[in-house]
Amino acid sequence: MKLIVGLGNPGKDYENTRHNVGFSFLDYYLGTLNLSPKWQKKFDGLLFQTDLEGEKVIFLKPQTFMNLSGNSVIKVVNYYHIDINDILVISDDMDLIVGNFKLKANGSCGGHNGLRSIENSLQSSNYKRLKIGISKNSDGDTKDYVLGHFSKGDLDTLNSLYQVLCDVLHDYFSLPFGDLMSKYNKKNR
């Protein structure tokens, strides 16, 4: 069983903000599969379970706000007995430009509060990540920036990127993660 976690903040005020690319990409991906997911409110999150590529997959959008995302993730992990090697977290990353992404097998939270919360809850940083670039605005407050909205140009770039990321996620179910990183990260430098 795999757990795919898209990070973001709940509520209309946060829709289409930079911090919510995890939520928006999950919605985009599931839309391409024509699944019409029925999200269940469970484990302090929105949860959708399906079968893909012959494997049970849980998609999770924590509803605890970004800084407490780990509270939702650990509840799902404990209830379904999900191995840490079967967790993929999709988040925003200010160190990557819009239109860029990076797959990582593990590592530090890099200052991302959602990832920090997950690491604290799992007591490990050995889960897989798909980081989606939101660029960095060094002129203003980081909180205001990540909670701000994308420009029209950035949204167009993201929509093109999401098409590529659908291939990444599709391959995630069939390739060893090292091969997945080799296949996609090299195209992304």
Protein backbone atom coordinates (compact mmCIF):
# COMPACT_ATOMS: atom_id res chain seq x y z
CA MET A 1 0.00 0.00 0.00
CA LYS A 2 1.30 3.45 -0.95
CA LEU A 3 0.52 6.78 0.69
CA ILE A 4 0.72 9.89 -1.49
CA VAL A 5 0.48 13.07 0.58
CA GLY A 6 -0.12 16.45 -1.02
CA LEU A 7 0.66 19.33 1.31
CA GLY A 8 -1.31 22.55 1.58
CA ASN A 9 -3.62 24.58 3.77
CA PRO A 10 -7.38 23.97 3.92
CA GLY A 11 -10.00 26.52 2.97
CA LYS A 12 -10.93 28.84 0.13
CA ASP A 13 -8.51 31.55 1.29
CA TYR A 14 -5.56 29.30 0.46
CA GLU A 15 -6.69 27.85 -2.87
CA ASN A 16 -4.16 28.40 -5.66
CA THR A 17 -1.50 29.75 -3.31
CA ARG A 18 2.13 28.77 -3.69
CA HIS A 19 2.05 26.70 -0.49
CA ASN A 20 -0.84 24.62 -1.88
CA VAL A 21 0.83 23.07 -4.92
CA GLY A 22 0.68 19.68 -3.20
CA PHE A 23 -3.11 19.87 -3.02
CA SER A 24 -3.49 21.28 -6.53
CA PHE A 25 -1.22 18.69 -8.14
CA LEU A 26 -3.09 15.80 -6.47
CA ASP A 27 -6.35 17.20 -7.81
CA TYR A 28 -4.83 17.59 -11.27
CA TYR A 29 -3.37 14.07 -11.27
CA LEU A 30 -6.57 12.40 -10.12
CA GLY A 31 -8.49 14.42 -12.72
CA THR A 32 -6.34 12.93 -15.47
CA LEU A 33 -7.30 9.44 -14.30
CA ASN A 34 -11.01 10.23 -14.58
CA LEU A 35 -11.58 8.85 -11.10
CA SER A 36 -13.90 11.55 -9.71
CA PRO A 37 -12.53 10.98 -6.21
CA LYS A 38 -14.90 11.05 -3.28
CA TRP A 39 -12.71 12.53 -0.55
CA GLN A 40 -13.51 11.24 2.92
CA LYS A 41 -12.93 13.37 6.01
CA LYS A 42 -10.76 11.07 8.12
CA PHE A 43 -7.60 11.26 10.20
CA ASP A 44 -7.59 15.09 10.22
CA GLY A 45 -7.44 15.07 6.46
CA LEU A 46 -9.19 14.41 3.20
CA LEU A 47 -8.50 10.84 2.12
CA PHE A 48 -9.14 9.00 -1.13
CA GLN A 49 -8.31 5.32 -1.62
CA THR A 50 -8.09 3.53 -4.95
CA ASP A 51 -6.13 0.86 -6.84
CA LEU A 52 -3.47 1.93 -9.33
CA GLU A 53 -1.11 -0.32 -11.23
CA GLY A 54 -2.33 -3.26 -9.14
CA GLU A 55 -1.55 -1.58 -5.82
CA LYS A 56 -3.72 0.02 -3.16
CA VAL A 57 -3.00 3.75 -2.98
CA ILE A 58 -4.15 6.31 -0.44
CA PHE A 59 -4.12 9.96 -1.41
CA LEU A 60 -4.13 12.37 1.53
CA LYS A 61 -4.59 16.12 1.83
CA PRO A 62 -3.99 16.98 5.52
CA GLN A 63 -6.51 19.51 6.82
CA THR A 64 -4.51 20.49 9.89
CA PHE A 65 -2.83 23.48 8.22
CA MET A 66 0.70 23.12 6.92
CA ASN A 67 2.58 23.36 10.21
CA LEU A 68 0.71 20.36 11.67
CA SER A 69 0.59 18.13 8.57
CA GLY A 70 2.39 15.34 10.40
CA ASN A 71 -0.56 14.90 12.78
CA SER A 72 -2.71 13.71 9.87
CA VAL A 73 0.04 11.69 8.17
CA ILE A 74 0.94 9.68 11.28
CA LYS A 75 -2.71 8.77 11.90
CA VAL A 76 -3.00 7.32 8.38
CA VAL A 77 0.37 5.57 8.65
CA ASN A 78 -0.55 3.96 11.97
CA TYR A 79 -4.08 2.96 10.98
CA TYR A 80 -3.09 1.35 7.66
CA HIS A 81 0.34 0.12 8.84
CA ILE A 82 2.09 1.89 5.97
CA ASP A 83 5.83 1.39 5.71
CA ILE A 84 7.85 4.62 5.61
CA ASN A 85 9.36 3.44 2.29
CA ASP A 86 5.86 3.61 0.77
CA ILE A 87 5.25 7.30 1.59
CA LEU A 88 5.62 10.04 -1.04
CA VAL A 89 5.08 13.64 0.07
CA ILE A 90 4.40 16.34 -2.53
CA SER A 91 5.29 19.86 -1.40
CA ASP A 92 6.30 23.30 -2.57
CA ASP A 93 9.98 24.31 -2.62
CA MET A 94 11.22 27.90 -2.71
CA ASP A 95 14.72 26.81 -3.75
CA LEU A 96 13.41 25.57 -7.11
CA ILE A 97 12.13 27.92 -9.78
CA VAL A 98 8.53 27.67 -10.98
CA GLY A 99 8.43 24.92 -13.59
CA ASN A 100 11.14 22.89 -11.92
CA PHE A 101 10.85 19.91 -9.58
CA LYS A 102 13.03 17.46 -7.70
CA LEU A 103 12.58 13.93 -6.44
CA LYS A 104 14.35 13.06 -3.19
CA ALA A 105 14.58 9.72 -1.42
CA ASN A 106 15.04 11.37 2.01
CA GLY A 107 16.70 14.36 3.64
CA SER A 108 16.08 17.28 5.92
CA CYS A 109 12.98 19.44 5.88
CA GLY A 110 15.01 22.35 4.47
CA GLY A 111 13.04 24.83 6.55
CA HIS A 112 9.66 23.66 5.23
CA ASN A 113 7.28 23.54 8.20
CA GLY A 114 5.00 20.89 6.69
CA LEU A 115 7.93 18.55 6.09
CA ARG A 116 9.29 19.32 9.57
CA SER A 117 5.95 18.32 11.09
CA ILE A 118 5.93 15.05 9.13
CA GLU A 119 9.50 14.27 10.18
CA ASN A 120 8.64 14.93 13.82
CA SER A 121 5.55 12.73 13.65
CA LEU A 122 7.26 9.87 11.80
CA GLN A 123 10.44 10.34 13.84
CA SER A 124 12.30 9.94 10.57
CA SER A 125 13.27 11.88 7.46
CA ASN A 126 13.49 8.73 5.34
CA TYR A 127 10.32 9.23 3.34
CA LYS A 128 10.24 10.11 -0.37
CA ARG A 129 9.51 13.60 -1.65
CA LEU A 130 8.40 15.29 -4.82
CA LYS A 131 9.28 18.97 -4.49
CA ILE A 132 7.60 21.45 -6.82
CA GLY A 133 9.32 24.78 -7.43
CA ILE A 134 7.60 28.01 -6.42
CA SER A 135 10.72 30.24 -6.79
CA LYS A 136 12.02 32.52 -4.08
CA ASN A 137 11.17 36.12 -3.41
CA SER A 138 13.96 37.42 -1.20
CA ASP A 139 12.47 40.93 -1.02
CA GLY A 140 9.49 40.16 1.19
CA ASP A 141 8.31 38.06 4.09
CA THR A 142 8.52 34.33 3.41
CA LYS A 143 5.11 33.64 4.97
CA ASP A 144 3.42 36.27 2.80
CA TYR A 145 5.19 34.91 -0.26
CA VAL A 146 4.23 31.25 0.18
CA LEU A 147 0.64 32.24 0.99
CA GLY A 148 0.50 34.48 -2.07
CA HIS A 149 -1.00 33.57 -5.42
CA PHE A 150 0.80 32.63 -8.60
CA SER A 151 0.91 35.01 -11.54
CA LYS A 152 -0.92 34.02 -14.72
CA GLY A 153 2.41 33.16 -16.34
CA ASP A 154 3.45 30.99 -13.39
CA LEU A 155 0.09 29.19 -13.48
CA ASP A 156 0.60 28.41 -17.18
CA THR A 157 4.08 27.08 -16.37
CA LEU A 158 2.69 24.95 -13.54
CA ASN A 159 -0.02 23.46 -15.74
CA SER A 160 2.65 22.37 -18.22
CA LEU A 161 4.76 20.99 -15.38
CA TYR A 162 1.79 19.07 -13.94
CA GLN A 163 1.55 17.13 -17.21
CA VAL A 164 5.17 16.00 -16.75
CA LEU A 165 4.58 15.25 -13.06
CA CYS A 166 1.70 12.96 -14.00
CA ASP A 167 4.25 10.83 -15.88
CA VAL A 168 6.53 10.94 -12.83
CA LEU A 169 3.75 9.76 -10.54
CA HIS A 170 2.65 7.10 -13.01
CA ASP A 171 6.21 5.75 -13.14
CA TYR A 172 6.49 5.95 -9.35
CA PHE A 173 4.22 2.91 -9.13
CA SER A 174 6.40 0.76 -11.38
CA LEU A 175 10.02 1.94 -11.07
CA PRO A 176 12.43 1.64 -8.16
CA PHE A 177 12.75 5.13 -6.67
CA GLY A 178 16.45 5.41 -7.57
CA ASP A 179 15.58 4.74 -11.22
CA LEU A 180 12.75 7.26 -11.02
CA MET A 181 15.14 9.94 -9.75
CA SER A 182 17.68 9.07 -12.47
CA LYS A 183 15.03 9.26 -15.16
CA TYR A 184 13.48 12.58 -14.15
CA ASN A 185 15.89 14.60 -12.02
CA LYS A 186 18.52 14.73 -14.75
CA LYS A 187 16.05 16.42 -17.10
CA ASN A 188 15.32 18.95 -14.44
CA ARG A 189 18.66 20.68 -13.84
